[in-house]
PDB file of all heavy atoms in Angstrom:
ATOM      1  N   GLY A   1      93.903  57.764 127.375  1.00  0.00           N
ATOM      2  CA  GLY A   1      94.992  57.699 128.328  1.00  0.00           C
ATOM      3  C   GLY A   1      95.644  56.353 128.530  1.00  0.00           C
ATOM      4  O   GLY A   1      96.642  56.233 129.203  1.00  0.00           O
ATOM      5  N   SER A   2      95.081  55.303 127.897  1.00  0.00           N
ATOM      6  CA  SER A   2      95.637  53.968 127.941  1.00  0.00           C
ATOM      7  C   SER A   2      96.292  53.672 126.606  1.00  0.00           C
ATOM      8  O   SER A   2      95.602  53.657 125.570  1.00  0.00           O
ATOM      9  CB  SER A   2      94.535  52.901 128.262  1.00  0.00           C
ATOM     10  OG  SER A   2      94.031  53.126 129.561  1.00  0.00           O
ATOM     11  N   GLN A   3      97.564  53.428 126.600  1.00  0.00           N
ATOM     12  CA  GLN A   3      98.320  53.290 125.378  1.00  0.00           C
ATOM     13  C   GLN A   3      98.158  51.895 124.748  1.00  0.00           C
ATOM     14  O   GLN A   3      98.172  50.873 125.425  1.00  0.00           O
ATOM     15  CB  GLN A   3      99.811  53.549 125.626  1.00  0.00           C
ATOM     16  CG  GLN A   3     100.068  54.959 126.130  1.00  0.00           C
ATOM     17  CD  GLN A   3     101.552  55.242 126.353  1.00  0.00           C
ATOM     18  OE1 GLN A   3     102.262  55.641 125.422  1.00  0.00           O
ATOM     19  NE2 GLN A   3     101.992  55.064 127.577  1.00  0.00           N
ATOM     20  N   ASP A   4      97.948  51.899 123.434  1.00  0.00           N
ATOM     21  CA  ASP A   4      97.807  50.697 122.640  1.00  0.00           C
ATOM     22  C   ASP A   4      99.096  50.466 121.840  1.00  0.00           C
ATOM     23  O   ASP A   4      99.996  51.297 121.811  1.00  0.00           O
ATOM     24  CB  ASP A   4      96.619  50.871 121.672  1.00  0.00           C
ATOM     25  CG  ASP A   4      95.412  51.556 122.327  1.00  0.00           C
ATOM     26  OD1 ASP A   4      94.737  50.857 123.112  1.00  0.00           O
ATOM     27  OD2 ASP A   4      95.165  52.741 122.014  1.00  0.00           O
ATOM     28  N   PHE A   5      99.224  49.295 121.200  1.00  0.00           N
ATOM     29  CA  PHE A   5     100.424  49.107 120.385  1.00  0.00           C
ATOM     30  C   PHE A   5     100.105  48.154 119.208  1.00  0.00           C
ATOM     31  O   PHE A   5      99.138  47.363 119.224  1.00  0.00           O
ATOM     32  CB  PHE A   5     101.584  48.567 121.192  1.00  0.00           C
ATOM     33  CG  PHE A   5     101.462  47.151 121.735  1.00  0.00           C
ATOM     34  CD1 PHE A   5     101.995  46.075 121.051  1.00  0.00           C
ATOM     35  CD2 PHE A   5     100.814  46.915 122.949  1.00  0.00           C
ATOM     36  CE1 PHE A   5     101.911  44.795 121.563  1.00  0.00           C
ATOM     37  CE2 PHE A   5     100.732  45.641 123.482  1.00  0.00           C
ATOM     38  CZ  PHE A   5     101.289  44.577 122.776  1.00  0.00           C
ATOM     39  N   ALA A   6     100.911  48.317 118.173  1.00  0.00           N
ATOM     40  CA  ALA A   6     100.815  47.495 116.954  1.00  0.00           C
ATOM     41  C   ALA A   6     102.131  46.796 116.699  1.00  0.00           C
ATOM     42  O   ALA A   6     103.210  47.328 117.040  1.00  0.00           O
ATOM     43  CB  ALA A   6     100.439  48.366 115.751  1.00  0.00           C
ATOM     44  N   VAL A   7     102.081  45.597 116.094  1.00  0.00           N
ATOM     45  CA  VAL A   7     103.260  44.814 115.827  1.00  0.00           C
ATOM     46  C   VAL A   7     103.291  44.444 114.333  1.00  0.00           C
ATOM     47  O   VAL A   7     102.287  43.935 113.817  1.00  0.00           O
ATOM     48  CB  VAL A   7     103.300  43.544 116.694  1.00  0.00           C
ATOM     49  CG1 VAL A   7     104.413  42.605 116.273  1.00  0.00           C
ATOM     50  CG2 VAL A   7     103.398  43.869 118.159  1.00  0.00           C
ATOM     51  N   ALA A   8     104.411  44.687 113.676  1.00  0.00           N
ATOM     52  CA  ALA A   8     104.577  44.262 112.278  1.00  0.00           C
ATOM     53  C   ALA A   8     105.275  42.926 112.250  1.00  0.00           C
ATOM     54  O   ALA A   8     106.243  42.717 112.984  1.00  0.00           O
ATOM     55  CB  ALA A   8     105.431  45.318 111.526  1.00  0.00           C
ATOM     56  N   ARG A   9     104.761  42.032 111.416  1.00  0.00           N
ATOM     57  CA  ARG A   9     105.261  40.655 111.373  1.00  0.00           C
ATOM     58  C   ARG A   9     105.908  40.365 110.021  1.00  0.00           C
ATOM     59  O   ARG A   9     105.387  40.775 108.978  1.00  0.00           O
ATOM     60  CB  ARG A   9     104.168  39.658 111.685  1.00  0.00           C
ATOM     61  CG  ARG A   9     103.578  39.869 113.089  1.00  0.00           C
ATOM     62  CD  ARG A   9     102.627  38.777 113.485  1.00  0.00           C
ATOM     63  NE  ARG A   9     102.033  39.034 114.815  1.00  0.00           N
ATOM     64  CZ  ARG A   9     102.604  38.801 115.945  1.00  0.00           C
ATOM     65  NH1 ARG A   9     103.815  38.228 115.981  1.00  0.00           N
ATOM     66  NH2 ARG A   9     102.009  39.070 117.096  1.00  0.00           N
ATOM     67  N   GLN A  10     107.023  39.643 110.055  1.00  0.00           N
ATOM     68  CA  GLN A  10     107.763  39.308 108.855  1.00  0.00           C
ATOM     69  C   GLN A  10     107.091  38.115 108.149  1.00  0.00           C
ATOM     70  O   GLN A  10     107.100  37.021 108.666  1.00  0.00           O
ATOM     71  CB  GLN A  10     109.218  38.991 109.174  1.00  0.00           C
ATOM     72  CG  GLN A  10     110.141  38.939 107.936  1.00  0.00           C
ATOM     73  CD  GLN A  10     110.332  40.284 107.305  1.00  0.00           C
ATOM     74  OE1 GLN A  10     110.175  41.322 107.935  1.00  0.00           O
ATOM     75  NE2 GLN A  10     110.681  40.275 106.029  1.00  0.00           N
ATOM     76  N   TRP A  11     106.505  38.386 107.006  1.00  0.00           N
ATOM     77  CA  TRP A  11     105.761  37.391 106.241  1.00  0.00           C
ATOM     78  C   TRP A  11     104.536  36.887 106.968  1.00  0.00           C
ATOM     79  O   TRP A  11     104.207  35.694 106.943  1.00  0.00           O
ATOM     80  CB  TRP A  11     106.695  36.215 105.853  1.00  0.00           C
ATOM     81  CG  TRP A  11     107.974  36.676 105.197  1.00  0.00           C
ATOM     82  CD1 TRP A  11     109.223  36.563 105.694  1.00  0.00           C
ATOM     83  CD2 TRP A  11     108.098  37.351 103.955  1.00  0.00           C
ATOM     84  NE1 TRP A  11     110.133  37.119 104.878  1.00  0.00           N
ATOM     85  CE2 TRP A  11     109.485  37.627 103.767  1.00  0.00           C
ATOM     86  CE3 TRP A  11     107.203  37.774 102.957  1.00  0.00           C
ATOM     87  CZ2 TRP A  11     109.987  38.272 102.661  1.00  0.00           C
ATOM     88  CZ3 TRP A  11     107.720  38.452 101.845  1.00  0.00           C
ATOM     89  CH2 TRP A  11     109.089  38.676 101.698  1.00  0.00           C
ATOM     90  N   GLY A  12     103.836  37.804 107.622  1.00  0.00           N
ATOM     91  CA  GLY A  12     102.618  37.441 108.310  1.00  0.00           C
ATOM     92  C   GLY A  12     101.725  38.681 108.542  1.00  0.00           C
ATOM     93  O   GLY A  12     102.148  39.807 108.299  1.00  0.00           O
ATOM     94  N   GLN A  13     100.496  38.422 108.991  1.00  0.00           N
ATOM     95  CA  GLN A  13      99.555  39.492 109.226  1.00  0.00           C
ATOM     96  C   GLN A  13      99.987  40.336 110.439  1.00  0.00           C
ATOM     97  O   GLN A  13     100.329  39.795 111.494  1.00  0.00           O
ATOM     98  CB  GLN A  13      98.156  38.868 109.500  1.00  0.00           C
ATOM     99  CG  GLN A  13      97.015  39.843 109.648  1.00  0.00           C
ATOM    100  CD  GLN A  13      96.562  40.431 108.323  1.00  0.00           C
ATOM    101  OE1 GLN A  13      96.936  39.915 107.265  1.00  0.00           O
ATOM    102  NE2 GLN A  13      95.741  41.485 108.408  1.00  0.00           N
ATOM    103  N   PRO A  14      99.951  41.644 110.309  1.00  0.00           N
ATOM    104  CA  PRO A  14     100.314  42.501 111.463  1.00  0.00           C
ATOM    105  C   PRO A  14      99.226  42.376 112.544  1.00  0.00           C
ATOM    106  O   PRO A  14      98.108  41.948 112.280  1.00  0.00           O
ATOM    107  CB  PRO A  14     100.351  43.905 110.884  1.00  0.00           C
ATOM    108  CG  PRO A  14      99.455  43.861 109.690  1.00  0.00           C
ATOM    109  CD  PRO A  14      99.619  42.446 109.112  1.00  0.00           C
ATOM    110  N   SER A  15      99.592  42.791 113.749  1.00  0.00           N
ATOM    111  CA  SER A  15      98.708  42.680 114.919  1.00  0.00           C
ATOM    112  C   SER A  15      98.530  44.030 115.565  1.00  0.00           C
ATOM    113  O   SER A  15      99.477  44.815 115.631  1.00  0.00           O
ATOM    114  CB  SER A  15      99.256  41.675 115.939  1.00  0.00           C
ATOM    115  OG  SER A  15      99.449  40.399 115.396  1.00  0.00           O
ATOM    116  N   PHE A  16      97.304  44.301 116.066  1.00  0.00           N
ATOM    117  CA  PHE A  16      97.047  45.494 116.824  1.00  0.00           C
ATOM    118  C   PHE A  16      96.452  45.084 118.179  1.00  0.00           C
ATOM    119  O   PHE A  16      95.493  44.282 118.229  1.00  0.00           O
ATOM    120  CB  PHE A  16      96.068  46.416 116.100  1.00  0.00           C
ATOM    121  CG  PHE A  16      95.807  47.719 116.850  1.00  0.00           C
ATOM    122  CD1 PHE A  16      96.685  48.790 116.703  1.00  0.00           C
ATOM    123  CD2 PHE A  16      94.754  47.864 117.717  1.00  0.00           C
ATOM    124  CE1 PHE A  16      96.498  49.979 117.395  1.00  0.00           C
ATOM    125  CE2 PHE A  16      94.545  49.049 118.398  1.00  0.00           C
ATOM    126  CZ  PHE A  16      95.418  50.114 118.256  1.00  0.00           C
ATOM    127  N   TYR A  17      97.026  45.598 119.273  1.00  0.00           N
ATOM    128  CA  TYR A  17      96.594  45.251 120.603  1.00  0.00           C
ATOM    129  C   TYR A  17      95.991  46.484 121.240  1.00  0.00           C
ATOM    130  O   TYR A  17      96.693  47.419 121.662  1.00  0.00           O
ATOM    131  CB  TYR A  17      97.754  44.745 121.416  1.00  0.00           C
ATOM    132  CG  TYR A  17      98.274  43.402 120.903  1.00  0.00           C
ATOM    133  CD1 TYR A  17      99.347  43.388 119.977  1.00  0.00           C
ATOM    134  CD2 TYR A  17      97.696  42.200 121.268  1.00  0.00           C
ATOM    135  CE1 TYR A  17      99.816  42.176 119.471  1.00  0.00           C
ATOM    136  CE2 TYR A  17      98.213  40.999 120.768  1.00  0.00           C
ATOM    137  CZ  TYR A  17      99.263  41.004 119.871  1.00  0.00           C
ATOM    138  OH  TYR A  17      99.700  39.800 119.381  1.00  0.00           O
ATOM    139  N   ARG A  18      94.657  46.498 121.369  1.00  0.00           N
ATOM    140  CA  ARG A  18      93.975  47.598 121.995  1.00  0.00           C
ATOM    141  C   ARG A  18      94.000  47.407 123.505  1.00  0.00           C
ATOM    142  O   ARG A  18      93.709  46.308 124.013  1.00  0.00           O
ATOM    143  CB  ARG A  18      92.514  47.679 121.544  1.00  0.00           C
ATOM    144  CG  ARG A  18      91.759  48.889 122.099  1.00  0.00           C
ATOM    145  CD  ARG A  18      90.351  48.956 121.612  1.00  0.00           C
ATOM    146  NE  ARG A  18      89.695  50.162 122.090  1.00  0.00           N
ATOM    147  CZ  ARG A  18      88.409  50.503 121.807  1.00  0.00           C
ATOM    148  NH1 ARG A  18      87.704  49.708 121.055  1.00  0.00           N
ATOM    149  NH2 ARG A  18      87.925  51.609 122.307  1.00  0.00           N
ATOM    150  N   ASN A  19      94.368  48.443 124.241  1.00  0.00           N
ATOM    151  CA  ASN A  19      94.517  48.385 125.672  1.00  0.00           C
ATOM    152  C   ASN A  19      93.124  48.414 126.300  1.00  0.00           C
ATOM    153  O   ASN A  19      92.413  49.392 126.214  1.00  0.00           O
ATOM    154  CB  ASN A  19      95.356  49.565 126.159  1.00  0.00           C
ATOM    155  CG  ASN A  19      95.816  49.429 127.611  1.00  0.00           C
ATOM    156  OD1 ASN A  19      95.169  48.750 128.386  1.00  0.00           O
ATOM    157  ND2 ASN A  19      96.911  50.080 127.923  1.00  0.00           N
ATOM    158  N   THR A  20      92.763  47.321 126.976  1.00  0.00           N
ATOM    159  CA  THR A  20      91.495  47.209 127.645  1.00  0.00           C
ATOM    160  C   THR A  20      91.659  46.992 129.140  1.00  0.00           C
ATOM    161  O   THR A  20      90.826  46.389 129.791  1.00  0.00           O
ATOM    162  CB  THR A  20      90.694  46.061 127.042  1.00  0.00           C
ATOM    163  OG1 THR A  20      91.420  44.829 127.126  1.00  0.00           O
ATOM    164  CG2 THR A  20      90.303  46.311 125.598  1.00  0.00           C
ATOM    165  N   THR A  21      92.777  47.485 129.666  1.00  0.00           N
ATOM    166  CA  THR A  21      93.030  47.373 131.114  1.00  0.00           C
ATOM    167  C   THR A  21      91.836  47.893 131.883  1.00  0.00           C
ATOM    168  O   THR A  21      91.348  48.999 131.664  1.00  0.00           O
ATOM    169  CB  THR A  21      94.312  48.177 131.502  1.00  0.00           C
ATOM    170  OG1 THR A  21      95.425  47.571 130.807  1.00  0.00           O
ATOM    171  CG2 THR A  21      94.548  48.102 132.977  1.00  0.00           C
ATOM    172  N   ALA A  22      91.368  47.104 132.842  1.00  0.00           N
ATOM    173  CA  ALA A  22      90.081  47.407 133.518  1.00  0.00           C
ATOM    174  C   ALA A  22      90.179  48.612 134.461  1.00  0.00           C
ATOM    175  O   ALA A  22      89.291  49.486 134.477  1.00  0.00           O
ATOM    176  CB  ALA A  22      89.597  46.176 134.285  1.00  0.00           C
ATOM    177  N   ARG A  23      91.252  48.701 135.199  1.00  0.00           N
ATOM    178  CA  ARG A  23      91.391  49.772 136.187  1.00  0.00           C
ATOM    179  C   ARG A  23      92.746  50.450 136.099  1.00  0.00           C
ATOM    180  O   ARG A  23      93.598  50.316 136.967  1.00  0.00           O
ATOM    181  CB  ARG A  23      91.166  49.230 137.581  1.00  0.00           C
ATOM    182  CG  ARG A  23      89.774  48.640 137.836  1.00  0.00           C
ATOM    183  CD  ARG A  23      89.609  48.179 139.270  1.00  0.00           C
ATOM    184  NE  ARG A  23      89.732  49.300 140.208  1.00  0.00           N
ATOM    185  CZ  ARG A  23      89.738  49.150 141.523  1.00  0.00           C
ATOM    186  NH1 ARG A  23      89.604  47.971 142.065  1.00  0.00           N
ATOM    187  NH2 ARG A  23      89.875  50.217 142.324  1.00  0.00           N
ATOM    188  N   PRO A  24      93.015  51.199 134.993  1.00  0.00           N
ATOM    189  CA  PRO A  24      94.288  51.882 134.896  1.00  0.00           C
ATOM    190  C   PRO A  24      94.375  53.043 135.871  1.00  0.00           C
ATOM    191  O   PRO A  24      93.349  53.547 136.351  1.00  0.00           O
ATOM    192  CB  PRO A  24      94.286  52.399 133.447  1.00  0.00           C
ATOM    193  CG  PRO A  24      92.832  52.582 133.131  1.00  0.00           C
ATOM    194  CD  PRO A  24      92.123  51.492 133.868  1.00  0.00           C
ATOM    195  N   GLY A  25      95.610  53.453 136.195  1.00  0.00           N
ATOM    196  CA  GLY A  25      95.774  54.577 137.048  1.00  0.00           C
ATOM    197  C   GLY A  25      95.549  55.879 136.316  1.00  0.00           C
ATOM    198  O   GLY A  25      95.208  55.911 135.121  1.00  0.00           O
ATOM    199  N   ASP A  26      95.748  56.974 137.005  1.00  0.00           N
ATOM    200  CA  ASP A  26      95.649  58.285 136.400  1.00  0.00           C
ATOM    201  C   ASP A  26      96.856  58.517 135.472  1.00  0.00           C
ATOM    202  O   ASP A  26      97.883  57.846 135.587  1.00  0.00           O
ATOM    203  CB  ASP A  26      95.599  59.400 137.454  1.00  0.00           C
ATOM    204  CG  ASP A  26      94.357  59.295 138.333  1.00  0.00           C
ATOM    205  OD1 ASP A  26      93.275  58.939 137.821  1.00  0.00           O
ATOM    206  OD2 ASP A  26      94.492  59.499 139.557  1.00  0.00           O
ATOM    207  N   PHE A  27      96.692  59.474 134.577  1.00  0.00           N
ATOM    208  CA  PHE A  27      97.794  59.727 133.633  1.00  0.00           C
ATOM    209  C   PHE A  27      97.917  61.211 133.313  1.00  0.00           C
ATOM    210  O   PHE A  27      96.953  61.982 133.511  1.00  0.00           O
ATOM    211  CB  PHE A  27      97.552  58.991 132.317  1.00  0.00           C
ATOM    212  CG  PHE A  27      96.489  59.625 131.429  1.00  0.00           C
ATOM    213  CD1 PHE A  27      96.854  60.476 130.371  1.00  0.00           C
ATOM    214  CD2 PHE A  27      95.133  59.387 131.643  1.00  0.00           C
ATOM    215  CE1 PHE A  27      95.867  61.079 129.594  1.00  0.00           C
ATOM    216  CE2 PHE A  27      94.163  59.999 130.877  1.00  0.00           C
ATOM    217  CZ  PHE A  27      94.527  60.831 129.826  1.00  0.00           C
ATOM    218  N   LEU A  28      99.066  61.605 132.863  1.00  0.00           N
ATOM    219  CA  LEU A  28      99.301  62.941 132.325  1.00  0.00           C
ATOM    220  C   LEU A  28      99.696  62.723 130.862  1.00  0.00           C
ATOM    221  O   LEU A  28     100.757  62.084 130.594  1.00  0.00           O
ATOM    222  CB  LEU A  28     100.377  63.701 133.069  1.00  0.00           C
ATOM    223  CG  LEU A  28     100.767  65.060 132.512  1.00  0.00           C
ATOM    224  CD1 LEU A  28      99.633  66.051 132.670  1.00  0.00           C
ATOM    225  CD2 LEU A  28     102.048  65.574 133.142  1.00  0.00           C
ATOM    226  N   GLY A  29      98.942  63.256 129.953  1.00  0.00           N
ATOM    227  CA  GLY A  29      99.251  63.178 128.520  1.00  0.00           C
ATOM    228  C   GLY A  29      99.599  64.540 127.952  1.00  0.00           C
ATOM    229  O   GLY A  29      98.844  65.506 128.155  1.00  0.00           O
ATOM    230  N   LEU A  30     100.728  64.657 127.232  1.00  0.00           N
ATOM    231  CA  LEU A  30     101.180  65.930 126.684  1.00  0.00           C
ATOM    232  C   LEU A  30     101.348  65.814 125.171  1.00  0.00           C
ATOM    233  O   LEU A  30     101.994  64.885 124.677  1.00  0.00           O
ATOM    234  CB  LEU A  30     102.502  66.346 127.313  1.00  0.00           C
ATOM    235  CG  LEU A  30     102.515  66.563 128.840  1.00  0.00           C
ATOM    236  CD1 LEU A  30     103.914  66.904 129.318  1.00  0.00           C
ATOM    237  CD2 LEU A  30     101.566  67.688 129.199  1.00  0.00           C
ATOM    238  N   ARG A  31     100.733  66.782 124.476  1.00  0.00           N
ATOM    239  CA  ARG A  31     100.976  66.966 123.032  1.00  0.00           C
ATOM    240  C   ARG A  31     101.650  68.297 122.869  1.00  0.00           C
ATOM    241  O   ARG A  31     101.066  69.332 123.169  1.00  0.00           O
ATOM    242  CB  ARG A  31      99.672  66.877 122.288  1.00  0.00           C
ATOM    243  CG  ARG A  31      98.946  65.523 122.421  1.00  0.00           C
ATOM    244  CD  ARG A  31      97.680  65.435 121.611  1.00  0.00           C
ATOM    245  NE  ARG A  31      97.090  64.102 121.701  1.00  0.00           N
ATOM    246  CZ  ARG A  31      95.890  63.824 122.220  1.00  0.00           C
ATOM    247  NH1 ARG A  31      95.142  64.801 122.722  1.00  0.00           N
ATOM    248  NH2 ARG A  31      95.429  62.603 122.253  1.00  0.00           N
ATOM    249  N   LEU A  32     102.892  68.253 122.424  1.00  0.00           N
ATOM    250  CA  LEU A  32     103.756  69.447 122.416  1.00  0.00           C
ATOM    251  C   LEU A  32     103.996  69.937 121.013  1.00  0.00           C
ATOM    252  O   LEU A  32     104.444  69.188 120.123  1.00  0.00           O
ATOM    253  CB  LEU A  32     105.082  69.119 123.083  1.00  0.00           C
ATOM    254  CG  LEU A  32     104.974  68.569 124.521  1.00  0.00           C
ATOM    255  CD1 LEU A  32     106.380  68.253 125.071  1.00  0.00           C
ATOM    256  CD2 LEU A  32     104.252  69.517 125.466  1.00  0.00           C
ATOM    257  N   TYR A  33     103.723  71.210 120.771  1.00  0.00           N
ATOM    258  CA  TYR A  33     103.827  71.811 119.471  1.00  0.00           C
ATOM    259  C   TYR A  33     104.697  73.032 119.462  1.00  0.00           C
ATOM    260  O   TYR A  33     104.865  73.707 120.510  1.00  0.00           O
ATOM    261  CB  TYR A  33     102.446  72.221 118.914  1.00  0.00           C
ATOM    262  CG  TYR A  33     101.429  71.115 118.868  1.00  0.00           C
ATOM    263  CD1 TYR A  33     100.490  70.932 119.894  1.00  0.00           C
ATOM    264  CD2 TYR A  33     101.363  70.255 117.783  1.00  0.00           C
ATOM    265  CE1 TYR A  33      99.560  69.939 119.849  1.00  0.00           C
ATOM    266  CE2 TYR A  33     100.412  69.233 117.720  1.00  0.00           C
ATOM    267  CZ  TYR A  33      99.512  69.062 118.758  1.00  0.00           C
ATOM    268  OH  TYR A  33      98.558  68.073 118.675  1.00  0.00           O
ATOM    269  N   ARG A  34     105.178  73.412 118.304  1.00  0.00           N
ATOM    270  CA  ARG A  34     105.726  74.730 118.026  1.00  0.00           C
ATOM    271  C   ARG A  34     104.908  75.315 116.875  1.00  0.00           C
ATOM    272  O   ARG A  34     104.215  74.580 116.155  1.00  0.00           O
ATOM    273  CB  ARG A  34     107.217  74.619 117.626  1.00  0.00           C
ATOM    274  CG  ARG A  34     108.066  74.102 118.780  1.00  0.00           C
ATOM    275  CD  ARG A  34     109.567  74.057 118.425  1.00  0.00           C
ATOM    276  NE  ARG A  34     109.859  73.185 117.300  1.00  0.00           N
ATOM    277  CZ  ARG A  34     111.063  72.726 117.046  1.00  0.00           C
ATOM    278  NH1 ARG A  34     112.100  73.063 117.831  1.00  0.00           N
ATOM    279  NH2 ARG A  34     111.294  71.966 115.994  1.00  0.00           N
ATOM    280  N   PRO A  35     104.946  76.630 116.641  1.00  0.00           N
ATOM    281  CA  PRO A  35     104.110  77.225 115.613  1.00  0.00           C
ATOM    282  C   PRO A  35     104.435  76.667 114.234  1.00  0.00           C
ATOM    283  O   PRO A  35     105.599  76.427 113.869  1.00  0.00           O
ATOM    284  CB  PRO A  35     104.464  78.711 115.673  1.00  0.00           C
ATOM    285  CG  PRO A  35     104.916  78.907 117.071  1.00  0.00           C
ATOM    286  CD  PRO A  35     105.644  77.652 117.465  1.00  0.00           C
ATOM    287  N   ALA A  36     103.395  76.383 113.427  1.00  0.00           N
ATOM    288  CA  ALA A  36     103.568  75.846 112.075  1.00  0.00           C
ATOM    289  C   ALA A  36     103.341  76.955 111.043  1.00  0.00           C
ATOM    290  O   ALA A  36     102.718  77.967 111.331  1.00  0.00           O
ATOM    291  CB  ALA A  36     102.586  74.687 111.854  1.00  0.00           C
ATOM    292  N   THR A  37     103.836  76.744 109.861  1.00  0.00           N
ATOM    293  CA  THR A  37     103.665  77.716 108.781  1.00  0.00           C
ATOM    294  C   THR A  37     102.262  77.720 108.185  1.00  0.00           C
ATOM    295  O   THR A  37     101.833  78.701 107.634  1.00  0.00           O
ATOM    296  CB  THR A  37     104.677  77.488 107.664  1.00  0.00           C
ATOM    297  OG1 THR A  37     104.493  76.166 107.150  1.00  0.00           O
ATOM    298  CG2 THR A  37     106.107  77.613 108.195  1.00  0.00           C
ATOM    299  N   SER A  38     101.540  76.596 108.316  1.00  0.00           N
ATOM    300  CA  SER A  38     100.165  76.520 107.814  1.00  0.00           C
ATOM    301  C   SER A  38      99.202  77.004 108.896  1.00  0.00           C
ATOM    302  O   SER A  38      99.218  76.468 110.009  1.00  0.00           O
ATOM    303  CB  SER A  38      99.815  75.102 107.391  1.00  0.00           C
ATOM    304  OG  SER A  38      98.441  75.001 107.078  1.00  0.00           O
ATOM    305  N   PRO A  39      98.312  77.967 108.547  1.00  0.00           N
ATOM    306  CA  PRO A  39      97.345  78.451 109.538  1.00  0.00           C
ATOM    307  C   PRO A  39      96.260  77.416 109.843  1.00  0.00           C
ATOM    308  O   PRO A  39      95.551  77.586 110.844  1.00  0.00           O
ATOM    309  CB  PRO A  39      96.775  79.690 108.903  1.00  0.00           C
ATOM    310  CG  PRO A  39      96.928  79.456 107.411  1.00  0.00           C
ATOM    311  CD  PRO A  39      98.215  78.680 107.284  1.00  0.00           C
ATOM    312  N   ASP A  40      96.137  76.361 109.046  1.00  0.00           N
ATOM    313  CA  ASP A  40      95.089  75.366 109.226  1.00  0.00           C
ATOM    314  C   ASP A  40      95.510  74.229 110.124  1.00  0.00           C
ATOM    315  O   ASP A  40      94.701  73.366 110.450  1.00  0.00           O
ATOM    316  CB  ASP A  40      94.625  74.837 107.868  1.00  0.00           C
ATOM    317  CG  ASP A  40      94.069  75.930 106.963  1.00  0.00           C
ATOM    318  OD1 ASP A  40      93.392  76.831 107.485  1.00  0.00           O
ATOM    319  OD2 ASP A  40      94.334  75.873 105.725  1.00  0.00           O
TER     320      ASP A  40
END
């Protein structure tokens, strides 16, 4: 429920920032789908 982010750098190593916030609030997370043609 705590969002992380990555940064691409021009001519440099990319960075990834993992969210380690100590006391985040509550969240609502939604993953929204429609039917797919593959049964798997």
